[in-house]
C-alpha atoms as a PDB file:
ATOM      1  CA  MET A   1      25.323 -15.533 -28.953  1.00  0.00           C
ATOM      2  CA  THR A   2      21.633 -16.706 -28.276  1.00  0.00           C
ATOM      3  CA  PHE A   3      18.585 -15.585 -29.641  1.00  0.00           C
ATOM      4  CA  PHE A   4      17.672 -13.696 -26.208  1.00  0.00           C
ATOM      5  CA  GLN A   5      21.109 -11.955 -26.113  1.00  0.00           C
ATOM      6  CA  ASN A   6      21.068 -10.716 -29.536  1.00  0.00           C
ATOM      7  CA  ILE A   7      17.455  -9.076 -28.987  1.00  0.00           C
ATOM      8  CA  GLN A   8      18.911  -7.404 -25.758  1.00  0.00           C
ATOM      9  CA  ASN A   9      21.756  -6.096 -27.681  1.00  0.00           C
ATOM     10  CA  ARG A  10      19.641  -4.673 -30.269  1.00  0.00           C
ATOM     11  CA  PHE A  11      17.171  -3.177 -27.880  1.00  0.00           C
ATOM     12  CA  GLY A  12      19.975  -1.539 -26.051  1.00  0.00           C
ATOM     13  CA  ILE A  13      21.248   0.067 -29.401  1.00  0.00           C
ATOM     14  CA  LEU A  14      17.456   1.078 -29.832  1.00  0.00           C
ATOM     15  CA  ILE A  15      17.374   2.868 -26.429  1.00  0.00           C
ATOM     16  CA  VAL A  16      20.724   4.682 -26.961  1.00  0.00           C
ATOM     17  CA  VAL A  17      19.335   5.833 -30.393  1.00  0.00           C
ATOM     18  CA  VAL A  18      16.110   7.181 -29.096  1.00  0.00           C
ATOM     19  CA  ILE A  19      17.736   8.917 -26.448  1.00  0.00           C
ATOM     20  CA  PHE A  20      19.916  10.557 -28.624  1.00  0.00           C
ATOM     21  CA  VAL A  21      17.128  11.697 -30.928  1.00  0.00           C
ATOM     22  CA  PHE A  22      15.321  13.076 -27.871  1.00  0.00           C
ATOM     23  CA  LEU A  23      18.427  15.020 -26.616  1.00  0.00           C
ATOM     24  CA  PHE A  24      19.137  16.522 -29.933  1.00  0.00           C
ATOM     25  CA  VAL A  25      15.580  17.555 -31.002  1.00  0.00           C
ATOM     26  CA  GLY A  26      15.535  19.058 -27.157  1.00  0.00           C
ATOM     27  CA  CYS A  27      18.354  21.367 -28.147  1.00  0.00           C
ATOM     28  CA  VAL A  28      17.312  22.525 -31.331  1.00  0.00           C
ATOM     29  CA  LYS A  29      15.722  26.017 -30.475  1.00  0.00           C
ATOM     30  CA  ASP A  30      12.467  26.800 -32.128  1.00  0.00           C
ATOM     31  CA  LYS A  31      12.935  29.229 -34.904  1.00  0.00           C
ATOM     32  CA  ALA A  32      11.146  32.970 -34.593  1.00  0.00           C
ATOM     33  CA  PRO A  33       8.974  34.260 -37.025  1.00  0.00           C
ATOM     34  CA  SER A  34      10.876  35.981 -39.913  1.00  0.00           C
ATOM     35  CA  ASP A  35       9.092  39.368 -39.407  1.00  0.00           C
ATOM     36  CA  MET A  36       9.983  39.313 -35.573  1.00  0.00           C
ATOM     37  CA  PRO A  37      12.124  42.221 -34.811  1.00  0.00           C
ATOM     38  CA  SER A  38      15.232  41.387 -32.372  1.00  0.00           C
ATOM     39  CA  LEU A  39      14.333  40.655 -28.863  1.00  0.00           C
ATOM     40  CA  GLN A  40      16.239  42.411 -25.870  1.00  0.00           C
ATOM     41  CA  PRO A  41      16.394  40.293 -22.409  1.00  0.00           C
ATOM     42  CA  CYS A  42      13.633  41.457 -20.078  1.00  0.00           C
ATOM     43  CA  THR A  43      12.728  40.650 -16.483  1.00  0.00           C
ATOM     44  CA  ILE A  44      10.208  42.113 -14.314  1.00  0.00           C
ATOM     45  CA  ILE A  45      10.022  41.921 -10.596  1.00  0.00           C
ATOM     46  CA  VAL A  46       6.548  42.063  -9.018  1.00  0.00           C
ATOM     47  CA  ILE A  47       6.511  43.558  -5.190  1.00  0.00           C
ATOM     48  CA  MET A  48       3.650  43.605  -3.108  1.00  0.00           C
ATOM     49  CA  ASP A  49       3.544  45.117   0.271  1.00  0.00           C
ATOM     50  CA  GLY A  50       7.408  45.298   0.114  1.00  0.00           C
ATOM     51  CA  LYS A  51       7.871  41.731  -0.617  1.00  0.00           C
ATOM     52  CA  PRO A  52       8.313  39.852  -3.780  1.00  0.00           C
ATOM     53  CA  LEU A  53       5.063  38.337  -5.194  1.00  0.00           C
ATOM     54  CA  ALA A  54       5.209  34.836  -6.291  1.00  0.00           C
ATOM     55  CA  ASN A  55       3.295  32.773  -8.895  1.00  0.00           C
ATOM     56  CA  ALA A  56       1.901  36.278 -10.377  1.00  0.00           C
ATOM     57  CA  SER A  57       1.044  36.383 -13.924  1.00  0.00           C
ATOM     58  CA  VAL A  58       2.833  39.382 -15.708  1.00  0.00           C
ATOM     59  CA  HIS A  59       1.568  40.422 -19.149  1.00  0.00           C
ATOM     60  CA  CYS A  60       3.413  43.029 -21.300  1.00  0.00           C
ATOM     61  CA  GLN A  61       1.161  44.686 -24.312  1.00  0.00           C
ATOM     62  CA  PRO A  62       2.930  47.072 -26.583  1.00  0.00           C
ATOM     63  CA  ASN A  63       1.594  50.748 -26.595  1.00  0.00           C
ATOM     64  CA  ASP A  64       1.173  50.254 -30.272  1.00  0.00           C
ATOM     65  CA  ASN A  65      -1.184  47.097 -29.755  1.00  0.00           C
ATOM     66  CA  GLY A  66       1.405  45.407 -31.751  1.00  0.00           C
ATOM     67  CA  LYS A  67       1.322  41.741 -31.774  1.00  0.00           C
ATOM     68  CA  TRP A  68       4.907  41.092 -30.118  1.00  0.00           C
ATOM     69  CA  TYR A  69       3.487  40.924 -26.416  1.00  0.00           C
ATOM     70  CA  GLY A  70       5.028  39.243 -23.803  1.00  0.00           C
ATOM     71  CA  SER A  71       4.281  37.408 -20.756  1.00  0.00           C
ATOM     72  CA  GLY A  72       5.909  35.477 -17.913  1.00  0.00           C
ATOM     73  CA  ILE A  73       5.218  33.993 -14.234  1.00  0.00           C
ATOM     74  CA  THR A  74       6.976  35.279 -11.274  1.00  0.00           C
ATOM     75  CA  ASP A  75       9.018  33.038  -9.233  1.00  0.00           C
ATOM     76  CA  ASN A  76       9.688  32.921  -5.436  1.00  0.00           C
ATOM     77  CA  ASN A  77      11.768  36.043  -5.743  1.00  0.00           C
ATOM     78  CA  GLY A  78       9.051  37.763  -7.593  1.00  0.00           C
ATOM     79  CA  VAL A  79      10.962  37.544 -10.852  1.00  0.00           C
ATOM     80  CA  ALA A  80       9.306  37.010 -14.130  1.00  0.00           C
ATOM     81  CA  LYS A  81      11.593  36.118 -17.234  1.00  0.00           C
ATOM     82  CA  ILE A  82       9.452  37.756 -20.332  1.00  0.00           C
ATOM     83  CA  LEU A  83       8.949  35.776 -23.080  1.00  0.00           C
ATOM     84  CA  THR A  84       7.595  37.213 -26.319  1.00  0.00           C
ATOM     85  CA  LEU A  85       4.551  35.207 -27.756  1.00  0.00           C
ATOM     86  CA  SER A  86       5.265  32.824 -24.730  1.00  0.00           C
ATOM     87  CA  ARG A  87       8.311  31.094 -26.058  1.00  0.00           C
ATOM     88  CA  TYR A  88      11.021  33.616 -27.561  1.00  0.00           C
ATOM     89  CA  SER A  89      13.195  34.984 -24.768  1.00  0.00           C
ATOM     90  CA  GLY A  90      12.797  38.925 -24.530  1.00  0.00           C
ATOM     91  CA  LEU A  91      10.805  41.668 -25.519  1.00  0.00           C
ATOM     92  CA  THR A  92      11.111  43.998 -28.972  1.00  0.00           C
ATOM     93  CA  THR A  93      12.133  47.599 -27.991  1.00  0.00           C
ATOM     94  CA  GLY A  94       9.243  49.958 -27.089  1.00  0.00           C
ATOM     95  CA  ASP A  95       6.988  51.096 -24.703  1.00  0.00           C
ATOM     96  CA  TYR A  96       4.784  48.605 -22.803  1.00  0.00           C
ATOM     97  CA  VAL A  97       1.647  48.537 -20.495  1.00  0.00           C
ATOM     98  CA  VAL A  98       2.370  45.743 -17.884  1.00  0.00           C
ATOM     99  CA  SER A  99      -0.755  43.980 -16.417  1.00  0.00           C
ATOM    100  CA  VAL A 100      -0.224  41.505 -13.067  1.00  0.00           C
ATOM    101  CA  ILE A 101      -2.626  38.899 -12.185  1.00  0.00           C
ATOM    102  CA  LYS A 102      -2.737  36.591  -9.324  1.00  0.00           C
ATOM    103  CA  LYS A 103      -5.835  34.823  -7.875  1.00  0.00           C
ATOM    104  CA  ILE A 104      -6.185  32.170  -5.317  1.00  0.00           C
ATOM    105  CA  PRO A 105      -9.087  30.044  -4.209  1.00  0.00           C
ATOM    106  CA  ASP A 106     -11.853  31.870  -1.970  1.00  0.00           C
ATOM    107  CA  PRO A 107     -11.193  30.944   1.407  1.00  0.00           C
ATOM    108  CA  ASN A 108     -14.845  32.028   2.181  1.00  0.00           C
ATOM    109  CA  TRP A 109     -16.464  29.837  -0.402  1.00  0.00           C
ATOM    110  CA  THR A 110     -19.390  27.660   0.789  1.00  0.00           C
ATOM    111  CA  PRO A 111     -19.401  24.427  -1.340  1.00  0.00           C
ATOM    112  CA  LYS A 112     -22.255  24.173  -3.646  1.00  0.00           C
ATOM    113  CA  PRO A 113     -22.400  21.208  -6.265  1.00  0.00           C
ATOM    114  CA  GLU A 114     -23.768  23.235  -9.056  1.00  0.00           C
ATOM    115  CA  GLU A 115     -20.802  25.795  -9.038  1.00  0.00           C
ATOM    116  CA  GLY A 116     -16.997  25.573  -9.209  1.00  0.00           C
ATOM    117  CA  HIS A 117     -14.583  27.010  -6.490  1.00  0.00           C
ATOM    118  CA  PRO A 118     -14.440  30.713  -7.093  1.00  0.00           C
ATOM    119  CA  ASN A 119     -11.120  32.464  -7.194  1.00  0.00           C
ATOM    120  CA  ILE A 120     -10.251  36.062  -5.577  1.00  0.00           C
ATOM    121  CA  SER A 121      -7.682  38.327  -6.718  1.00  0.00           C
ATOM    122  CA  VAL A 122      -4.717  38.866  -4.268  1.00  0.00           C
ATOM    123  CA  ILE A 123      -3.980  42.256  -5.887  1.00  0.00           C
ATOM    124  CA  ASP A 124      -6.196  45.461  -6.819  1.00  0.00           C
ATOM    125  CA  GLU A 125      -7.860  44.233 -10.097  1.00  0.00           C
ATOM    126  CA  LYS A 126      -6.908  47.474 -11.699  1.00  0.00           C
ATOM    127  CA  PHE A 127      -3.298  45.718 -12.357  1.00  0.00           C
ATOM    128  CA  GLY A 128      -4.743  43.053 -14.182  1.00  0.00           C
ATOM    129  CA  ASP A 129      -6.423  44.883 -16.952  1.00  0.00           C
ATOM    130  CA  GLU A 130      -4.071  46.559 -19.703  1.00  0.00           C
ATOM    131  CA  THR A 131      -6.764  49.315 -19.936  1.00  0.00           C
ATOM    132  CA  THR A 132      -6.584  50.168 -15.998  1.00  0.00           C
ATOM    133  CA  SER A 133      -3.274  49.185 -15.207  1.00  0.00           C
ATOM    134  CA  PRO A 134      -0.793  52.129 -14.144  1.00  0.00           C
ATOM    135  CA  LEU A 135       2.034  49.761 -14.793  1.00  0.00           C
ATOM    136  CA  LYS A 136       4.512  50.688 -17.739  1.00  0.00           C
ATOM    137  CA  CYS A 137       7.934  49.854 -18.985  1.00  0.00           C
ATOM    138  CA  THR A 138      10.337  50.954 -21.619  1.00  0.00           C
ATOM    139  CA  VAL A 139      12.378  48.494 -23.237  1.00  0.00           C
ATOM    140  CA  THR A 140      15.778  49.469 -24.911  1.00  0.00           C
ATOM    141  CA  THR A 141      18.485  47.802 -26.608  1.00  0.00           C
ATOM    142  CA  GLY A 142      20.541  45.680 -23.751  1.00  0.00           C
ATOM    143  CA  LYS A 143      19.394  44.113 -20.572  1.00  0.00           C
ATOM    144  CA  ASN A 144      16.106  45.320 -19.347  1.00  0.00           C
ATOM    145  CA  GLN A 145      14.999  44.647 -15.743  1.00  0.00           C
ATOM    146  CA  PHE A 146      11.770  46.586 -13.892  1.00  0.00           C
ATOM    147  CA  GLN A 147      10.602  46.627 -10.610  1.00  0.00           C
ATOM    148  CA  LEU A 148       6.967  46.976 -10.380  1.00  0.00           C
ATOM    149  CA  GLU A 149       4.877  47.432  -7.395  1.00  0.00           C
ATOM    150  CA  VAL A 150       1.238  46.371  -6.917  1.00  0.00           C
ATOM    151  CA  THR A 151      -1.216  46.621  -4.027  1.00  0.00           C
ATOM    152  CA  THR A 152      -3.865  44.694  -2.383  1.00  0.00           C
ATOM    153  CA  PRO A 153      -7.436  45.222  -3.225  1.00  0.00           C
END
């Protein structure tokens, strides 16, 4: 075996080991905090004008202002899979206020060098603030799915 073939074989083995390590690390679940209560699967479907609302940010704040809030982003079907602390699948049982936000670049904006491109809300802004949002949900043991409707401004 030549010197270069020996290096190629060792490099090939190294690549296989590196791939294995990345696959193994990627499969290890992030350990939840020890004081976190058990989480229940939760999805929220957001509807606007009778149609699913895609790419909206959904935030679930516990009524007791606890630290186990959840959030997610709606897909093309308006479905958001809710994650506690943005990383653990599901929510703890209890009552939540739900806020929904979706903003797009203002189509009527006139470019000004000193200003950034402003965004406008495509839904009534009362839904985007937990103090004014009328959206609520109660998470119970087992699967939870809620359909919530928002309106235009």
